[in-house]
C-alpha cells in the first residue's frame, strides 16, 4: 500500500466510524480535543494526523473494534511513510508512550490475544501491533490503575484546567507584557512584548499637578523608550489630583492624589483629551482605571465609573480610532464581591464602551502554582456570561499587598515567571489576550524579572527563552493530565512552529504544577530544548522527566 492509497483508506475508515457513531464533527471534536474542521479534513482525506494517538482516540469514541484499530494503524503507517515493522511499534509503546509503559496495561492485551484461539493464529507481529493499539486505547480511555513512572505531585491539580483544542491561532508577542515600575525611560534588556505604565510616575495627579498645567516629561521618556523598542504601550488612568477632588480619600501614594472620581467630570474629560492629543499613536491602549473595585484606588460609585468610561471611550475613539479601550480593571476575583461589582458595571452598560475588559490575575498566595489563576479566569468567564458580554480579557496586574510577601527562591521564581505566561496561553480558550507581569524595574517584590540598573534575573532570562521558543508560533491546543494521556500533574500546550526552512512543525511545551513525572516524548520527536539554552536530540522511544520547569519538544 503506497502513501496515497494509505491516506485514502485511512480517511474512508475514519469517515465510516464517524457516521456509524452518530456523532457530529463538533461533538466528536469536543471529545478528542480537536477542532471539527480538522476532523472533517481527516475524514475526507485532505489531511492526515501527524500522531497516531489522535486516530486511536477518535476510533475509541466511535466504538471501533480491535480489527478496525489494527487496520487504521496500517493505513496510517502507509500514509505517513513510517515503514517500521509492527514489532517496533509495540516496543515504542512499551518504552513509555503512556502510563501503561512497562506495566500490565501494555502487556495485558498481548496476553489476552494469545489466550483467544482466533488471535493465536495471527502472526506474532500482528499480535504486537494489536498490543500497541490496545495500549493506546487504554491511554485514550484515561482510566489508569497504575501510576506513571516516577510521578510525584504534592499539590492537588488546580481548578479550571479544562483541556481544549482550536484552529491554530498566532501567539502574538503582545501577550508577554510587563508593567513598568520606572520613570527613567530605560527599557527591559530581555525580550519583552508589551509595556504597561503604572507606578511609573504617570498617574493623573503627577501629569496634571494643577488644573490645565501638564508635565509630560516622564511620560515622554517612557513613550520614547517604548517607541525605540517598538513596544505597544498601555496607559493606566488613576490617582485623581487633589485639586480635582479635595475632600476625597487619599490612597497610599505620596503625590497627594485621591482614590476617587473628580468632583467635576469636565476635568476628567479635559485630562483624557489632553493626554490622547499629546501622546498620539505612541499609546496603543488605555486602561480606564486601575483596580476600580479596590478602595485604595477608587471609592466612588459604579454609576460614576460607568459615566467616566463612556466619556473617556468617546474622546479616545474620536482622537485615535486605532487605540484599544480597556475597561477599568477589577481585582480580588477570588471574592464574590468582585463579581457583584463586575455585574453591576455590566448592568449599567459600562462594557459596551470598551474593546477589552481589564482583570487582575494572581495566585491566592505568592507560593501557589501559577496555574491556580485559571480558577479566577473560569469565574470571570461565567460572570461575563451572566452579564451578557463577551469581551477579550487583559490581565493587567496583581494584588495591592504583593510587596508584603517574602521573596521566592531563585528556582521557584524562575519557574513561576515562565508559567505565568503559559497560564495565560492556557486561558486563550477564554479569550485571555494579554498578560502584564507586575513589574519591571522593581527589585523589592517577591519575584523579580529585572531590577532597574541590574542584569535580568534567571526568571527574566527564562521568560526571554520562552518568547524565543514561541516566536512565530501558532497555538492549537492545551491540556492536562489524563484527559490528554499524560500524568495527572503534567500540563501541555501544543503549537505549530516554523523550522529553519519555514515549514510548520508540531512542538509541545510540557511542565508540571507540582512534582515530577516521566513521559515519552512521542512519535516523531526530534529534540528537547531547555530554558537555559541547552538541548538534546531524541527519538520516539525516549522519555523525558517533566518538572515544574517547562521544556519544549520539537517534532519532525
Protein backbone atom coordinates (compact mmCIF):
# COMPACT_ATOMS: atom_id res chain seq x y z
CA UNK A 1 0.00 0.00 0.00
CA UNK A 2 1.55 3.33 -1.07
CA UNK A 3 1.08 6.68 0.72
CA UNK A 4 -1.85 7.85 -1.38
CA UNK A 5 -3.69 4.56 -1.00
CA UNK A 6 -2.99 4.55 2.72
CA UNK A 7 -4.32 8.09 3.14
CA UNK A 8 -7.47 7.34 1.16
CA UNK A 9 -8.15 4.13 3.05
CA UNK A 10 -7.47 5.84 6.40
CA UNK A 11 -9.96 8.60 5.58
CA UNK A 12 -12.53 6.05 4.44
CA UNK A 13 -12.34 4.04 7.67
CA UNK A 14 -12.47 7.15 9.83
CA UNK A 15 -15.48 8.51 7.92
CA UNK A 16 -17.28 5.17 8.25
CA UNK A 17 -16.61 5.05 12.00
CA UNK A 18 -17.75 8.62 12.44
CA UNK A 19 -21.03 8.03 10.55
CA UNK A 20 -21.68 4.81 12.44
CA UNK A 21 -21.22 6.57 15.78
CA UNK A 22 -23.89 9.17 15.01
CA UNK A 23 -21.66 11.89 16.49
CA UNK A 24 -21.40 15.28 14.83
CA UNK A 25 -17.98 16.64 13.92
CA UNK A 26 -18.39 19.23 16.66
CA UNK A 27 -19.26 16.71 19.37
CA UNK A 28 -16.57 14.25 18.31
CA UNK A 29 -14.02 17.06 18.22
CA UNK A 30 -15.01 18.12 21.72
CA UNK A 31 -14.43 14.60 23.00
CA UNK A 32 -10.97 14.21 21.45
CA UNK A 33 -9.90 17.87 21.87
CA UNK A 34 -9.64 18.56 18.14
CA UNK A 35 -11.47 21.14 16.04
CA UNK A 36 -14.42 19.98 13.91
CA UNK A 37 -12.74 21.35 10.78
CA UNK A 38 -9.63 19.26 11.47
CA UNK A 39 -11.74 16.12 11.93
CA UNK A 40 -13.51 16.88 8.67
CA UNK A 41 -10.15 17.01 6.86
CA UNK A 42 -9.14 13.67 8.35
CA UNK A 43 -12.39 12.05 7.23
CA UNK A 44 -12.38 13.42 3.67
CA UNK A 45 -8.72 12.63 3.03
CA UNK A 46 -7.47 16.23 2.91
CA UNK A 47 -5.29 15.79 5.97
CA UNK A 48 -3.51 13.05 7.92
CA UNK A 49 -2.70 13.30 11.65
CA UNK A 50 1.00 13.56 12.45
CA UNK A 51 0.50 11.34 15.53
CA UNK A 52 -1.34 8.03 15.65
CA UNK A 53 -2.60 8.82 19.17
CA UNK A 54 -5.38 11.08 17.88
CA UNK A 55 -6.60 8.37 15.46
CA UNK A 56 -6.95 5.87 18.29
CA UNK A 57 -8.83 8.41 20.42
CA UNK A 58 -11.24 9.08 17.53
CA UNK A 59 -11.71 5.37 16.94
CA UNK A 60 -12.31 4.71 20.62
CA UNK A 61 -15.03 7.38 20.79
CA UNK A 62 -16.66 5.85 17.69
CA UNK A 63 -16.67 2.30 19.11
CA UNK A 64 -14.02 0.74 16.84
CA UNK A 65 -13.19 -2.92 17.37
CA UNK A 66 -9.60 -4.32 17.51
CA UNK A 67 -9.57 -5.27 13.82
CA UNK A 68 -10.58 -1.74 12.84
CA UNK A 69 -7.92 -0.28 15.11
CA UNK A 70 -5.32 -2.53 13.54
CA UNK A 71 -6.45 -1.50 10.05
CA UNK A 72 -6.24 2.16 11.00
CA UNK A 73 -2.69 1.68 12.23
CA UNK A 74 -1.56 0.03 9.00
CA UNK A 75 -3.24 2.72 6.89
CA UNK A 76 -1.66 5.47 8.97
CA UNK A 77 1.80 3.88 8.70
CA UNK A 78 1.42 3.72 4.93
CA UNK A 79 0.01 7.26 4.65
CA UNK A 80 2.81 8.79 6.71
CA UNK A 81 5.60 6.62 5.33
CA UNK A 82 6.51 5.33 8.76
CA UNK A 83 7.52 1.95 7.37
CA UNK A 84 8.57 0.43 10.68
CA UNK A 85 7.77 -3.19 11.32
CA UNK A 86 4.94 -3.96 13.74
CA UNK A 87 7.33 -5.14 16.42
CA UNK A 88 8.93 -1.71 16.67
CA UNK A 89 5.53 -0.10 17.22
CA UNK A 90 4.90 -2.36 20.18
CA UNK A 91 8.35 -1.68 21.53
CA UNK A 92 7.81 2.07 21.32
CA UNK A 93 4.61 1.76 23.29
CA UNK A 94 6.24 -0.41 25.95
CA UNK A 95 9.04 2.13 26.34
CA UNK A 96 6.81 4.85 27.69
CA UNK A 97 4.01 6.08 25.45
CA UNK A 98 1.62 6.34 28.36
CA UNK A 99 1.03 5.37 31.98
CA UNK A 100 0.85 1.80 30.75
CA UNK A 101 4.54 1.88 29.88
CA UNK A 102 6.28 -1.18 31.24
CA UNK A 103 3.22 -2.18 33.25
CA UNK A 104 0.38 -4.66 32.96
CA UNK A 105 -1.52 -2.20 30.78
CA UNK A 106 0.94 -2.71 27.95
CA UNK A 107 1.24 -6.42 28.47
CA UNK A 108 -2.37 -7.34 29.16
CA UNK A 109 -3.62 -7.05 25.56
CA UNK A 110 -0.86 -9.41 24.41
CA UNK A 111 -1.84 -11.98 27.00
CA UNK A 112 -5.50 -11.67 26.10
CA UNK A 113 -4.68 -12.09 22.44
CA UNK A 114 -2.66 -15.29 22.95
CA UNK A 115 -5.47 -16.85 25.00
CA UNK A 116 -8.01 -16.24 22.24
CA UNK A 117 -7.95 -19.02 19.57
CA UNK A 118 -8.69 -16.60 16.74
CA UNK A 119 -5.97 -14.22 17.86
CA UNK A 120 -3.48 -17.05 18.49
CA UNK A 121 -3.47 -17.86 14.76
CA UNK A 122 -2.34 -14.33 13.86
CA UNK A 123 1.34 -13.78 13.06
CA UNK A 124 3.45 -12.71 16.02
CA UNK A 125 3.97 -9.23 14.55
CA UNK A 126 0.22 -8.77 14.21
CA UNK A 127 -0.25 -9.55 17.89
CA UNK A 128 2.36 -6.93 18.75
CA UNK A 129 0.52 -4.35 16.65
CA UNK A 130 -2.71 -5.20 18.41
CA UNK A 131 -0.92 -4.85 21.74
CA UNK A 132 0.23 -1.37 20.78
CA UNK A 133 -3.23 -0.39 19.63
CA UNK A 134 -4.92 -1.66 22.76
CA UNK A 135 -2.39 0.18 24.92
CA UNK A 136 -3.30 3.36 23.09
CA UNK A 137 -6.99 2.67 23.65
CA UNK A 138 -6.31 2.46 27.37
CA UNK A 139 -4.47 5.78 27.09
CA UNK A 140 -7.41 7.50 25.43
CA UNK A 141 -9.89 5.99 27.88
CA UNK A 142 -7.94 7.82 30.61
CA UNK A 143 -8.59 5.31 33.36
CA UNK A 144 -5.24 4.18 34.71
CA UNK A 145 -4.91 1.70 37.54
CA UNK A 146 -1.14 2.15 37.79
CA UNK A 147 0.82 5.37 38.34
CA UNK A 148 3.24 6.91 35.87
CA UNK A 149 6.84 6.05 36.41
CA UNK A 150 8.38 8.38 38.99
CA UNK A 151 5.32 10.65 39.09
CA UNK A 152 5.12 12.81 42.18
CA UNK A 153 2.76 15.69 42.93
CA UNK A 154 2.32 17.12 46.42
CA UNK A 155 -0.19 19.77 45.32
CA UNK A 156 -3.69 18.88 44.00
CA UNK A 157 -4.47 19.83 40.42
CA UNK A 158 -5.71 23.44 40.14
CA UNK A 159 -9.37 24.07 39.41
CA UNK A 160 -10.39 25.32 35.98
CA UNK A 161 -7.81 23.48 33.88
CA UNK A 162 -10.11 22.30 31.08
CA UNK A 163 -8.36 20.76 28.08
CA UNK A 164 -9.20 22.28 24.70
CA UNK A 165 -8.21 22.49 21.02
CA UNK A 166 -8.84 25.06 18.30
CA UNK A 167 -7.90 26.13 14.82
CA UNK A 168 -4.28 27.30 15.25
CA UNK A 169 -4.01 30.97 16.28
CA UNK A 170 -0.84 33.09 16.28
CA UNK A 171 0.89 33.68 19.60
CA UNK A 172 1.45 37.44 19.38
CA UNK A 173 4.41 38.94 21.24
CA UNK A 174 2.00 41.33 22.98
CA UNK A 175 0.95 38.50 25.30
CA UNK A 176 4.30 38.82 27.10
CA UNK A 177 3.79 42.20 28.73
CA UNK A 178 5.33 43.85 31.79
CA UNK A 179 4.22 46.76 33.98
CA UNK A 180 6.86 49.48 34.14
CA UNK A 181 7.82 50.49 37.69
CA UNK A 182 10.30 53.03 36.36
CA UNK A 183 10.22 56.65 35.24
CA UNK A 184 13.66 56.85 33.63
CA UNK A 185 12.74 55.72 30.13
CA UNK A 186 15.08 52.73 30.39
CA UNK A 187 13.57 49.63 28.82
CA UNK A 188 13.94 45.94 29.79
CA UNK A 189 17.12 44.39 28.42
CA UNK A 190 15.49 40.98 27.92
CA UNK A 191 12.86 40.14 25.31
CA UNK A 192 9.52 41.81 26.11
CA UNK A 193 6.32 42.09 24.07
CA UNK A 194 4.35 44.99 25.58
CA UNK A 195 4.52 47.69 28.27
CA UNK A 196 2.02 48.93 30.82
CA UNK A 197 2.56 52.21 32.63
CA UNK A 198 1.72 52.19 36.34
CA UNK A 199 3.78 53.08 39.39
CA UNK A 200 5.92 54.88 36.82
CA UNK A 201 5.11 58.45 37.93
CA UNK A 202 2.44 58.78 35.28
CA UNK A 203 -0.65 58.97 37.49
CA UNK A 204 -3.11 61.72 36.66
CA UNK A 205 -2.02 63.75 39.70
CA UNK A 206 1.60 63.61 38.52
CA UNK A 207 0.89 64.51 34.90
CA UNK A 208 -1.54 67.35 35.73
CA UNK A 209 -0.41 68.77 39.11
CA UNK A 210 -2.62 71.86 38.63
CA UNK A 211 -5.75 72.33 36.54
CA UNK A 212 -4.72 72.79 32.92
CA UNK A 213 -0.98 72.60 33.67
CA UNK A 214 0.69 69.44 32.32
CA UNK A 215 4.09 67.90 32.95
CA UNK A 216 4.69 65.44 30.10
CA UNK A 217 8.41 64.87 30.76
CA UNK A 218 8.19 61.48 32.48
CA UNK A 219 5.54 60.16 30.14
CA UNK A 220 7.56 61.27 27.11
CA UNK A 221 10.69 59.50 28.35
CA UNK A 222 8.73 56.27 28.73
CA UNK A 223 6.88 56.57 25.44
CA UNK A 224 10.02 57.47 23.53
CA UNK A 225 11.81 54.47 25.02
CA UNK A 226 8.93 52.19 24.08
CA UNK A 227 8.88 53.65 20.57
CA UNK A 228 12.60 52.94 20.14
CA UNK A 229 11.98 49.31 21.09
CA UNK A 230 8.76 49.18 19.05
CA UNK A 231 6.75 48.07 22.06
CA UNK A 232 2.99 48.70 22.31
CA UNK A 233 2.14 50.73 25.40
CA UNK A 234 -0.88 50.62 27.70
CA UNK A 235 -1.54 53.81 29.69
CA UNK A 236 -3.38 53.38 33.01
CA UNK A 237 -5.68 56.03 34.47
CA UNK A 238 -5.82 56.51 38.22
CA UNK A 239 -4.81 58.85 41.03
CA UNK A 240 -7.12 61.86 40.75
CA UNK A 241 -5.33 65.14 41.57
CA UNK A 242 -6.17 66.68 44.93
CA UNK A 243 -7.32 69.89 43.23
CA UNK A 244 -9.99 67.86 41.37
CA UNK A 245 -11.32 66.01 44.46
CA UNK A 246 -10.01 67.81 47.52
CA UNK A 247 -12.25 66.14 50.09
CA UNK A 248 -11.84 62.57 48.81
CA UNK A 249 -9.82 59.79 50.42
CA UNK A 250 -6.07 59.71 49.82
CA UNK A 251 -4.55 56.47 48.51
CA UNK A 252 -1.20 55.05 49.62
CA UNK A 253 0.84 57.34 47.35
CA UNK A 254 2.97 60.35 48.36
CA UNK A 255 1.78 62.56 45.47
CA UNK A 256 -1.39 63.77 47.19
CA UNK A 257 -3.65 62.02 44.69
CA UNK A 258 -7.15 60.80 45.54
CA UNK A 259 -8.81 57.38 45.26
CA UNK A 260 -11.99 58.88 43.86
CA UNK A 261 -13.55 60.36 40.75
CA UNK A 262 -13.16 64.11 40.23
CA UNK A 263 -15.87 66.36 41.62
CA UNK A 264 -16.44 67.75 38.13
CA UNK A 265 -16.30 65.23 35.28
CA UNK A 266 -15.40 68.04 32.89
CA UNK A 267 -11.94 67.91 34.50
CA UNK A 268 -11.80 64.23 33.58
CA UNK A 269 -12.75 64.97 30.00
CA UNK A 270 -10.12 67.67 29.73
CA UNK A 271 -7.34 65.39 31.02
CA UNK A 272 -8.26 62.47 28.74
CA UNK A 273 -8.43 64.81 25.73
CA UNK A 274 -5.08 66.44 26.51
CA UNK A 275 -3.39 63.06 27.07
CA UNK A 276 -4.61 61.50 23.84
CA UNK A 277 -3.70 64.56 21.80
CA UNK A 278 -0.21 64.76 23.30
CA UNK A 279 0.65 61.06 23.07
CA UNK A 280 -0.88 60.40 19.68
CA UNK A 281 -0.04 56.98 18.25
CA UNK A 282 2.66 56.39 20.88
CA UNK A 283 -0.02 54.99 23.20
CA UNK A 284 -1.72 51.90 21.79
CA UNK A 285 -4.23 51.21 24.55
CA UNK A 286 -5.84 52.83 27.59
CA UNK A 287 -6.88 51.12 30.84
CA UNK A 288 -9.64 53.43 32.06
CA UNK A 289 -8.98 52.94 35.79
CA UNK A 290 -6.75 50.78 37.92
CA UNK A 291 -8.24 48.18 40.33
CA UNK A 292 -11.56 50.01 40.32
CA UNK A 293 -13.19 47.76 42.93
CA UNK A 294 -10.42 48.32 45.49
CA UNK A 295 -10.92 51.22 47.88
CA UNK A 296 -7.21 52.11 47.77
CA UNK A 297 -7.68 53.07 44.12
CA UNK A 298 -11.35 54.03 43.70
CA UNK A 299 -14.13 54.58 46.21
CA UNK A 300 -16.66 56.39 44.06
CA UNK A 301 -19.91 54.91 42.79
CA UNK A 302 -20.15 52.37 39.99
CA UNK A 303 -22.55 54.70 38.21
CA UNK A 304 -19.92 57.43 38.10
CA UNK A 305 -17.28 54.95 36.92
CA UNK A 306 -19.51 53.89 34.03
CA UNK A 307 -20.02 57.54 33.08
CA UNK A 308 -16.25 58.16 33.20
CA UNK A 309 -15.78 55.09 30.99
CA UNK A 310 -18.35 56.34 28.48
CA UNK A 311 -16.80 59.79 28.28
CA UNK A 312 -13.19 58.59 28.03
CA UNK A 313 -14.05 56.00 25.39
CA UNK A 314 -15.75 58.62 23.23
CA UNK A 315 -12.82 61.02 23.48
CA UNK A 316 -10.20 58.36 22.77
CA UNK A 317 -12.04 56.97 19.76
CA UNK A 318 -12.62 60.41 18.31
CA UNK A 319 -8.90 61.15 18.52
CA UNK A 320 -7.38 57.73 17.75
CA UNK A 321 -9.59 55.13 16.09
CA UNK A 322 -6.82 52.53 16.30
CA UNK A 323 -6.40 52.69 20.09
CA UNK A 324 -7.73 49.85 22.25
CA UNK A 325 -10.03 50.90 25.10
CA UNK A 326 -9.74 48.60 28.13
CA UNK A 327 -12.49 48.85 30.73
CA UNK A 328 -11.45 49.56 34.36
CA UNK A 329 -9.60 46.58 35.77
CA UNK A 330 -11.04 44.55 38.65
CA UNK A 331 -9.08 42.80 41.37
CA UNK A 332 -9.75 40.26 44.17
CA UNK A 333 -11.52 37.99 41.71
CA UNK A 334 -11.49 35.16 44.25
CA UNK A 335 -14.21 37.02 46.19
CA UNK A 336 -17.93 37.16 45.41
CA UNK A 337 -17.92 40.95 45.92
CA UNK A 338 -15.67 41.41 42.90
CA UNK A 339 -18.09 39.53 40.67
CA UNK A 340 -21.04 41.50 42.00
CA UNK A 341 -19.11 44.65 41.11
CA UNK A 342 -18.49 43.30 37.61
CA UNK A 343 -22.18 42.52 37.18
CA UNK A 344 -23.18 45.96 38.40
CA UNK A 345 -20.75 47.65 35.99
CA UNK A 346 -22.16 45.49 33.19
CA UNK A 347 -25.81 46.15 34.11
CA UNK A 348 -25.14 49.88 33.88
CA UNK A 349 -23.73 49.41 30.38
CA UNK A 350 -20.06 50.01 31.14
CA UNK A 351 -18.65 47.23 28.97
CA UNK A 352 -20.36 48.45 25.81
CA UNK A 353 -17.82 51.28 25.63
CA UNK A 354 -14.72 49.05 25.64
CA UNK A 355 -12.75 46.75 23.36
CA UNK A 356 -11.42 44.60 26.22
CA UNK A 357 -12.03 44.00 29.92
CA UNK A 358 -9.28 44.52 32.49
CA UNK A 359 -8.82 41.88 35.19
CA UNK A 360 -6.12 41.19 37.79
CA UNK A 361 -4.88 37.58 37.75
CA UNK A 362 -2.67 36.33 40.55
CA UNK A 363 -2.41 33.41 42.94
CA UNK A 364 -4.13 33.47 46.33
CA UNK A 365 -0.69 33.03 47.88
CA UNK A 366 2.52 34.01 46.14
CA UNK A 367 3.83 30.46 46.62
CA UNK A 368 0.83 28.83 44.90
CA UNK A 369 1.32 27.40 41.39
CA UNK A 370 0.57 29.99 38.69
CA UNK A 371 -1.94 27.56 37.19
CA UNK A 372 -4.29 28.30 40.10
CA UNK A 373 -5.09 31.58 38.31
CA UNK A 374 -7.24 29.54 35.93
CA UNK A 375 -9.90 29.27 38.64
CA UNK A 376 -10.29 33.06 38.60
CA UNK A 377 -10.42 33.05 34.79
CA UNK A 378 -13.20 30.48 34.87
CA UNK A 379 -15.17 32.53 37.41
CA UNK A 380 -14.77 35.70 35.35
CA UNK A 381 -15.89 33.87 32.21
CA UNK A 382 -19.05 32.68 33.97
CA UNK A 383 -19.79 36.13 35.35
CA UNK A 384 -19.48 37.69 31.91
CA UNK A 385 -21.88 35.08 30.56
CA UNK A 386 -24.35 36.09 33.27
CA UNK A 387 -23.84 39.73 32.32
CA UNK A 388 -24.36 39.06 28.62
CA UNK A 389 -20.96 40.36 27.49
CA UNK A 390 -18.13 38.57 25.72
CA UNK A 391 -15.00 40.71 25.59
CA UNK A 392 -11.31 39.83 25.27
CA UNK A 393 -9.62 39.79 28.68
CA UNK A 394 -6.43 41.65 29.54
CA UNK A 395 -4.68 40.66 32.76
CA UNK A 396 -3.16 43.93 33.94
CA UNK A 397 -1.53 43.36 37.29
CA UNK A 398 -1.57 41.83 40.71
CA UNK A 399 -2.76 42.43 44.25
CA UNK A 400 -2.13 45.55 46.34
CA UNK A 401 -0.35 43.58 49.07
CA UNK A 402 2.17 41.87 46.78
CA UNK A 403 5.26 43.66 48.22
CA UNK A 404 4.42 42.37 51.71
CA UNK A 405 5.24 38.78 50.73
CA UNK A 406 8.64 37.17 51.24
CA UNK A 407 10.84 36.72 48.15
CA UNK A 408 10.64 33.42 46.27
CA UNK A 409 13.82 31.41 45.97
CA UNK A 410 15.59 31.74 42.61
CA UNK A 411 14.48 28.42 41.16
CA UNK A 412 10.82 28.80 42.13
CA UNK A 413 10.78 32.40 40.90
CA UNK A 414 12.19 31.40 37.51
CA UNK A 415 9.69 28.55 37.08
CA UNK A 416 6.72 30.66 38.18
CA UNK A 417 7.64 33.55 35.89
CA UNK A 418 7.58 31.34 32.80
CA UNK A 419 4.40 29.58 33.86
CA UNK A 420 2.68 32.93 34.48
CA UNK A 421 2.69 33.43 30.71
CA UNK A 422 1.98 29.77 29.93
CA UNK A 423 -1.10 30.02 32.13
CA UNK A 424 -2.15 32.98 30.00
CA UNK A 425 -1.75 30.83 26.89
CA UNK A 426 -3.72 28.04 28.55
CA UNK A 427 -6.55 30.52 29.14
CA UNK A 428 -6.65 31.54 25.47
CA UNK A 429 -9.81 29.43 25.04
CA UNK A 430 -11.49 32.02 27.29
CA UNK A 431 -10.14 34.92 25.19
CA UNK A 432 -7.36 36.00 27.52
CA UNK A 433 -5.26 38.11 25.14
CA UNK A 434 -2.69 39.94 27.26
CA UNK A 435 -0.63 39.20 30.37
CA UNK A 436 1.21 42.05 32.06
CA UNK A 437 3.69 40.80 34.64
CA UNK A 438 4.00 43.07 37.69
CA UNK A 439 6.56 44.52 37.47
CA UNK A 440 9.71 45.54 35.61
CA UNK A 441 12.31 47.70 37.38
CA UNK A 442 11.13 46.96 40.92
CA UNK A 443 13.61 44.89 42.92
CA UNK A 444 11.55 44.77 46.12
CA UNK A 445 8.83 42.30 45.14
CA UNK A 446 8.81 38.51 45.67
CA UNK A 447 9.50 37.67 42.01
CA UNK A 448 11.88 39.98 40.15
CA UNK A 449 12.48 39.80 36.40
CA UNK A 450 14.95 42.66 36.35
CA UNK A 451 15.64 45.44 38.81
CA UNK A 452 16.48 48.68 37.05
CA UNK A 453 20.23 49.05 36.65
CA UNK A 454 20.79 45.31 37.16
CA UNK A 455 21.05 42.42 34.67
CA UNK A 456 17.98 40.20 34.22
CA UNK A 457 17.46 37.55 36.87
CA UNK A 458 17.15 33.90 35.97
CA UNK A 459 13.38 34.50 35.86
CA UNK A 460 13.86 37.26 33.29
CA UNK A 461 16.22 35.16 31.19
CA UNK A 462 13.82 32.22 31.21
CA UNK A 463 10.90 34.45 30.17
CA UNK A 464 13.04 35.62 27.25
CA UNK A 465 13.75 31.98 26.32
CA UNK A 466 10.04 31.16 26.35
CA UNK A 467 9.36 34.05 23.98
CA UNK A 468 12.19 32.88 21.73
CA UNK A 469 10.63 29.41 21.61
CA UNK A 470 7.22 30.79 20.66
CA UNK A 471 8.27 33.47 18.17
CA UNK A 472 6.06 32.99 15.08
CA UNK A 473 4.23 30.10 16.79
CA UNK A 474 0.57 29.19 16.37
CA UNK A 475 -1.23 27.74 19.38
CA UNK A 476 -3.62 24.88 18.67
CA UNK A 477 -4.33 23.12 21.97
CA UNK A 478 -3.68 22.99 25.71
CA UNK A 479 -4.49 20.20 28.13
CA UNK A 480 -3.59 18.50 31.35
CA UNK A 481 -3.32 15.05 32.80
CA UNK A 482 -5.34 12.00 31.90
CA UNK A 483 -7.59 13.99 29.56
CA UNK A 484 -4.71 14.10 27.07
CA UNK A 485 -3.00 10.86 28.07
CA UNK A 486 -0.40 12.34 30.41
CA UNK A 487 0.24 12.02 34.15
CA UNK A 488 -2.22 13.95 36.27
CA UNK A 489 0.31 16.61 37.25
CA UNK A 490 1.60 17.24 33.70
CA UNK A 491 0.42 20.17 31.57
CA UNK A 492 0.95 20.64 27.86
CA UNK A 493 0.34 23.27 25.19
CA UNK A 494 0.82 22.30 21.55
CA UNK A 495 1.99 24.68 18.85
CA UNK A 496 2.88 24.84 15.19
CA UNK A 497 6.31 26.48 14.92
CA UNK A 498 8.27 27.10 11.71
CA UNK A 499 11.54 25.18 11.44
CA UNK A 500 14.77 26.52 9.95
CA UNK A 501 13.26 26.21 6.46
CA UNK A 502 9.98 27.88 7.40
CA UNK A 503 7.93 24.65 7.46
CA UNK A 504 5.39 24.50 10.28
CA UNK A 505 6.20 21.66 12.68
CA UNK A 506 4.48 20.42 15.82
CA UNK A 507 6.06 21.48 19.11
CA UNK A 508 4.86 20.86 22.66
CA UNK A 509 5.66 22.67 25.88
CA UNK A 510 5.28 20.44 28.93
CA UNK A 511 5.56 21.14 32.64
CA UNK A 512 4.10 20.12 36.00
CA UNK A 513 2.30 22.28 38.54
CA UNK A 514 3.96 20.23 41.27
CA UNK A 515 6.36 17.33 41.46
CA UNK A 516 7.77 15.35 38.54
CA UNK A 517 6.69 12.69 36.05
CA UNK A 518 8.37 10.63 33.33
CA UNK A 519 6.64 10.75 29.94
CA UNK A 520 7.52 9.53 26.48
CA UNK A 521 8.42 12.36 24.15
CA UNK A 522 6.05 10.99 21.49
CA UNK A 523 6.09 9.81 17.89
CA UNK A 524 8.20 11.94 15.60
CA UNK A 525 10.07 13.77 18.36
CA UNK A 526 13.47 15.05 17.30
CA UNK A 527 14.73 17.31 20.12
CA UNK A 528 14.07 18.57 23.63
CA UNK A 529 15.03 22.14 24.49
CA UNK A 530 15.51 23.64 27.94
CA UNK A 531 15.09 27.19 29.21
CA UNK A 532 18.81 27.54 29.96
CA UNK A 533 19.51 27.27 26.22
CA UNK A 534 20.68 23.65 26.16
CA UNK A 535 19.06 20.88 24.09
CA UNK A 536 19.32 17.19 23.32
CA UNK A 537 18.33 15.04 20.36
CA UNK A 538 15.69 12.37 20.97
CA UNK A 539 13.73 9.73 19.10
CA UNK A 540 10.32 8.12 19.53
CA UNK A 541 11.49 5.78 22.28
CA UNK A 542 12.98 8.40 24.58
CA UNK A 543 11.42 9.51 27.81
CA UNK A 544 11.79 12.89 29.50
CA UNK A 545 11.38 13.73 33.15
CA UNK A 546 8.88 16.57 33.35
CA UNK A 547 9.33 19.03 36.22
CA UNK A 548 7.99 22.40 37.32
CA UNK A 549 10.38 23.98 34.79
CA UNK A 550 8.81 23.86 31.30
CA UNK A 551 10.54 22.16 28.38
CA UNK A 552 9.96 22.32 24.62
CA UNK A 553 9.71 19.16 22.49
CA UNK A 554 10.09 19.62 18.73
CA UNK A 555 8.78 17.08 16.21
CA UNK A 556 9.64 16.12 12.66
